């Protein structure tokens, strides 16, 4: 969660409400969809990953892969 927050700069309430479908590792962004994510002023927008280092990105990418491939989690 710390790596994801550092990478996205998202507010804590938004981070807690993201779903896997909002994370796009290939384009290095998250879609803060106000229908699903608790965003400020209920607005939808893309957030591109901050250039904080490849190590932080790798932590998040490994976690997303673990959730999808090992635990077989779906988008929601």
N, C-alpha and C. Protein backbone atom coordinates (compact mmCIF):
# COMPACT_ATOMS: atom_id res chain seq x y z
N UNK A 1 0.82 -1.19 0.00
CA UNK A 1 0.00 0.00 0.00
C UNK A 1 0.87 1.26 0.00
N UNK A 2 1.97 1.20 0.73
CA UNK A 2 2.86 2.35 0.78
C UNK A 2 3.46 2.61 -0.61
N UNK A 3 3.91 1.56 -1.28
CA UNK A 3 4.49 1.71 -2.62
C UNK A 3 3.44 2.23 -3.60
N UNK A 4 2.23 1.72 -3.51
CA UNK A 4 1.16 2.16 -4.41
C UNK A 4 0.82 3.64 -4.16
N UNK A 5 0.75 4.03 -2.91
CA UNK A 5 0.47 5.43 -2.58
C UNK A 5 1.59 6.34 -3.07
N UNK A 6 2.82 5.92 -2.88
CA UNK A 6 3.96 6.69 -3.35
C UNK A 6 3.96 6.82 -4.88
N UNK A 7 3.62 5.75 -5.54
CA UNK A 7 3.62 5.72 -7.00
C UNK A 7 2.50 6.57 -7.60
N UNK A 8 1.32 6.58 -6.95
CA UNK A 8 0.16 7.27 -7.52
C UNK A 8 -0.09 8.64 -6.92
N UNK A 9 0.32 8.84 -5.68
CA UNK A 9 0.02 10.10 -5.00
C UNK A 9 -1.45 10.24 -4.67
N UNK A 10 -2.18 9.15 -4.72
CA UNK A 10 -3.62 9.20 -4.46
C UNK A 10 -3.91 9.40 -2.97
N UNK A 11 -5.06 9.97 -2.71
CA UNK A 11 -5.50 10.19 -1.33
C UNK A 11 -5.78 8.84 -0.67
N UNK A 12 -5.66 8.79 0.65
CA UNK A 12 -5.82 7.51 1.36
C UNK A 12 -7.19 6.88 1.15
N UNK A 13 -8.24 7.66 1.12
CA UNK A 13 -9.57 7.08 0.91
C UNK A 13 -9.70 6.51 -0.51
N UNK A 14 -9.05 7.14 -1.49
CA UNK A 14 -9.06 6.61 -2.85
C UNK A 14 -8.26 5.32 -2.93
N UNK A 15 -7.10 5.30 -2.31
CA UNK A 15 -6.25 4.10 -2.33
C UNK A 15 -7.02 2.91 -1.74
N UNK A 16 -7.74 3.14 -0.69
CA UNK A 16 -8.49 2.06 -0.03
C UNK A 16 -9.64 1.54 -0.88
N UNK A 17 -10.08 2.32 -1.85
CA UNK A 17 -11.25 1.91 -2.63
C UNK A 17 -10.93 1.50 -4.07
N UNK A 18 -9.67 1.52 -4.47
CA UNK A 18 -9.31 1.09 -5.82
C UNK A 18 -9.61 -0.39 -6.00
N UNK A 19 -9.92 -0.75 -7.24
CA UNK A 19 -10.08 -2.14 -7.63
C UNK A 19 -9.01 -2.44 -8.68
N UNK A 20 -8.76 -3.70 -8.92
CA UNK A 20 -7.73 -4.06 -9.89
C UNK A 20 -8.03 -3.51 -11.28
N UNK A 21 -9.30 -3.37 -11.61
CA UNK A 21 -9.64 -2.86 -12.94
C UNK A 21 -9.19 -1.42 -13.15
N UNK A 22 -8.89 -0.72 -12.08
CA UNK A 22 -8.46 0.67 -12.20
C UNK A 22 -6.96 0.82 -12.44
N UNK A 23 -6.22 -0.25 -12.24
CA UNK A 23 -4.76 -0.19 -12.35
C UNK A 23 -4.33 -0.65 -13.74
N UNK A 24 -3.60 0.21 -14.44
CA UNK A 24 -3.10 -0.10 -15.77
C UNK A 24 -1.57 -0.03 -15.73
N UNK A 25 -0.95 -1.20 -15.54
CA UNK A 25 0.51 -1.24 -15.42
C UNK A 25 1.20 -0.92 -16.73
N UNK A 26 0.61 -1.30 -17.86
CA UNK A 26 1.27 -1.08 -19.14
C UNK A 26 1.38 0.42 -19.47
N UNK A 27 0.36 1.19 -19.13
CA UNK A 27 0.41 2.64 -19.36
C UNK A 27 0.85 3.39 -18.11
N UNK A 28 1.13 2.67 -17.05
CA UNK A 28 1.59 3.22 -15.78
C UNK A 28 0.66 4.33 -15.27
N UNK A 29 -0.60 3.93 -15.08
CA UNK A 29 -1.59 4.88 -14.58
C UNK A 29 -2.68 4.13 -13.83
N UNK A 30 -3.46 4.87 -13.08
CA UNK A 30 -4.69 4.37 -12.47
C UNK A 30 -5.82 5.29 -12.88
N UNK A 31 -6.99 4.71 -13.08
CA UNK A 31 -8.16 5.49 -13.42
C UNK A 31 -8.99 5.65 -12.15
N UNK A 32 -9.09 6.85 -11.69
CA UNK A 32 -9.87 7.13 -10.49
C UNK A 32 -11.31 7.38 -10.94
N UNK A 33 -12.04 6.29 -11.06
CA UNK A 33 -13.43 6.31 -11.51
C UNK A 33 -14.33 6.65 -10.33
N UNK A 34 -14.95 7.80 -10.37
CA UNK A 34 -15.75 8.28 -9.25
C UNK A 34 -16.94 7.37 -8.93
N UNK A 35 -17.31 6.49 -9.85
CA UNK A 35 -18.40 5.55 -9.57
C UNK A 35 -17.96 4.47 -8.60
N UNK A 36 -16.65 4.17 -8.57
CA UNK A 36 -16.12 3.10 -7.72
C UNK A 36 -15.12 3.58 -6.68
N UNK A 37 -14.38 4.62 -7.01
CA UNK A 37 -13.27 5.09 -6.18
C UNK A 37 -13.72 6.34 -5.42
N UNK A 38 -13.38 6.39 -4.15
CA UNK A 38 -13.74 7.56 -3.34
C UNK A 38 -12.77 8.71 -3.65
N UNK A 39 -13.15 9.50 -4.64
CA UNK A 39 -12.31 10.61 -5.09
C UNK A 39 -12.78 11.92 -4.49
N UNK A 40 -11.91 12.89 -4.52
CA UNK A 40 -12.26 14.22 -4.03
C UNK A 40 -13.26 14.85 -5.00
N UNK A 41 -14.31 15.39 -4.49
CA UNK A 41 -15.37 16.04 -5.27
C UNK A 41 -16.03 15.11 -6.28
N UNK A 42 -15.92 13.81 -6.08
CA UNK A 42 -16.56 12.81 -6.94
C UNK A 42 -16.28 13.02 -8.42
N UNK A 43 -15.03 13.27 -8.75
CA UNK A 43 -14.63 13.46 -10.15
C UNK A 43 -13.77 12.29 -10.60
N UNK A 44 -13.95 11.90 -11.85
CA UNK A 44 -13.15 10.82 -12.44
C UNK A 44 -11.98 11.41 -13.20
N UNK A 45 -10.82 10.75 -13.09
CA UNK A 45 -9.63 11.21 -13.80
C UNK A 45 -8.56 10.14 -13.76
N UNK A 46 -7.62 10.24 -14.71
CA UNK A 46 -6.46 9.35 -14.73
C UNK A 46 -5.35 9.96 -13.88
N UNK A 47 -4.63 9.10 -13.19
CA UNK A 47 -3.44 9.52 -12.45
C UNK A 47 -2.28 8.69 -12.98
N UNK A 48 -1.28 9.36 -13.51
CA UNK A 48 -0.11 8.68 -14.03
C UNK A 48 0.91 8.50 -12.92
N UNK A 49 1.63 7.37 -12.96
CA UNK A 49 2.59 7.06 -11.92
C UNK A 49 3.69 8.10 -11.85
N UNK A 50 4.07 8.45 -10.64
CA UNK A 50 5.19 9.36 -10.43
C UNK A 50 6.50 8.63 -10.72
N UNK A 51 7.51 9.33 -11.23
CA UNK A 51 8.81 8.70 -11.49
C UNK A 51 9.64 8.61 -10.21
N UNK A 52 9.24 7.71 -9.32
CA UNK A 52 9.90 7.59 -8.01
C UNK A 52 10.91 6.45 -7.97
N UNK A 53 11.12 5.81 -9.09
CA UNK A 53 12.10 4.73 -9.14
C UNK A 53 11.47 3.43 -9.58
N UNK A 54 12.24 2.66 -10.31
CA UNK A 54 11.75 1.39 -10.84
C UNK A 54 11.45 0.39 -9.73
N UNK A 55 12.16 0.49 -8.61
CA UNK A 55 11.94 -0.46 -7.50
C UNK A 55 10.50 -0.35 -6.98
N UNK A 56 10.01 0.88 -6.85
CA UNK A 56 8.65 1.09 -6.35
C UNK A 56 7.64 0.53 -7.35
N UNK A 57 7.86 0.78 -8.63
CA UNK A 57 6.97 0.23 -9.66
C UNK A 57 6.98 -1.29 -9.61
N UNK A 58 8.15 -1.89 -9.47
CA UNK A 58 8.25 -3.36 -9.44
C UNK A 58 7.50 -3.96 -8.26
N UNK A 59 7.50 -3.28 -7.12
CA UNK A 59 6.75 -3.77 -5.95
C UNK A 59 5.26 -3.80 -6.27
N UNK A 60 4.76 -2.72 -6.85
CA UNK A 60 3.34 -2.65 -7.19
C UNK A 60 3.00 -3.66 -8.28
N UNK A 61 3.83 -3.77 -9.30
CA UNK A 61 3.58 -4.72 -10.39
C UNK A 61 3.57 -6.15 -9.87
N UNK A 62 4.48 -6.48 -8.98
CA UNK A 62 4.53 -7.83 -8.41
C UNK A 62 3.29 -8.12 -7.58
N UNK A 63 2.81 -7.13 -6.85
CA UNK A 63 1.62 -7.31 -6.03
C UNK A 63 0.38 -7.52 -6.91
N UNK A 64 0.26 -6.74 -7.97
CA UNK A 64 -0.87 -6.89 -8.88
C UNK A 64 -0.82 -8.26 -9.55
N UNK A 65 0.36 -8.69 -9.99
CA UNK A 65 0.50 -10.03 -10.57
C UNK A 65 0.14 -11.11 -9.57
N UNK A 66 0.57 -10.97 -8.32
CA UNK A 66 0.25 -11.94 -7.27
C UNK A 66 -1.27 -12.04 -7.08
N UNK A 67 -1.94 -10.90 -7.00
CA UNK A 67 -3.39 -10.91 -6.81
C UNK A 67 -4.11 -11.54 -7.99
N UNK A 68 -3.67 -11.22 -9.20
CA UNK A 68 -4.34 -11.74 -10.40
C UNK A 68 -3.99 -13.20 -10.70
N UNK A 69 -2.72 -13.55 -10.63
CA UNK A 69 -2.27 -14.87 -11.08
C UNK A 69 -2.29 -15.92 -9.97
N UNK A 70 -1.82 -15.57 -8.79
CA UNK A 70 -1.74 -16.56 -7.72
C UNK A 70 -3.06 -16.69 -6.97
N UNK A 71 -3.67 -15.56 -6.64
CA UNK A 71 -4.93 -15.60 -5.90
C UNK A 71 -6.16 -15.63 -6.81
N UNK A 72 -5.92 -15.43 -8.13
CA UNK A 72 -6.98 -15.48 -9.13
C UNK A 72 -8.09 -14.44 -8.90
N UNK A 73 -7.68 -13.26 -8.43
CA UNK A 73 -8.64 -12.17 -8.22
C UNK A 73 -9.09 -11.61 -9.56
N UNK A 74 -10.33 -11.22 -9.65
CA UNK A 74 -10.86 -10.57 -10.84
C UNK A 74 -10.71 -9.07 -10.75
N UNK A 75 -11.27 -8.38 -11.70
CA UNK A 75 -11.14 -6.93 -11.76
C UNK A 75 -11.80 -6.21 -10.58
N UNK A 76 -12.86 -6.77 -10.07
CA UNK A 76 -13.57 -6.11 -8.97
C UNK A 76 -13.07 -6.55 -7.62
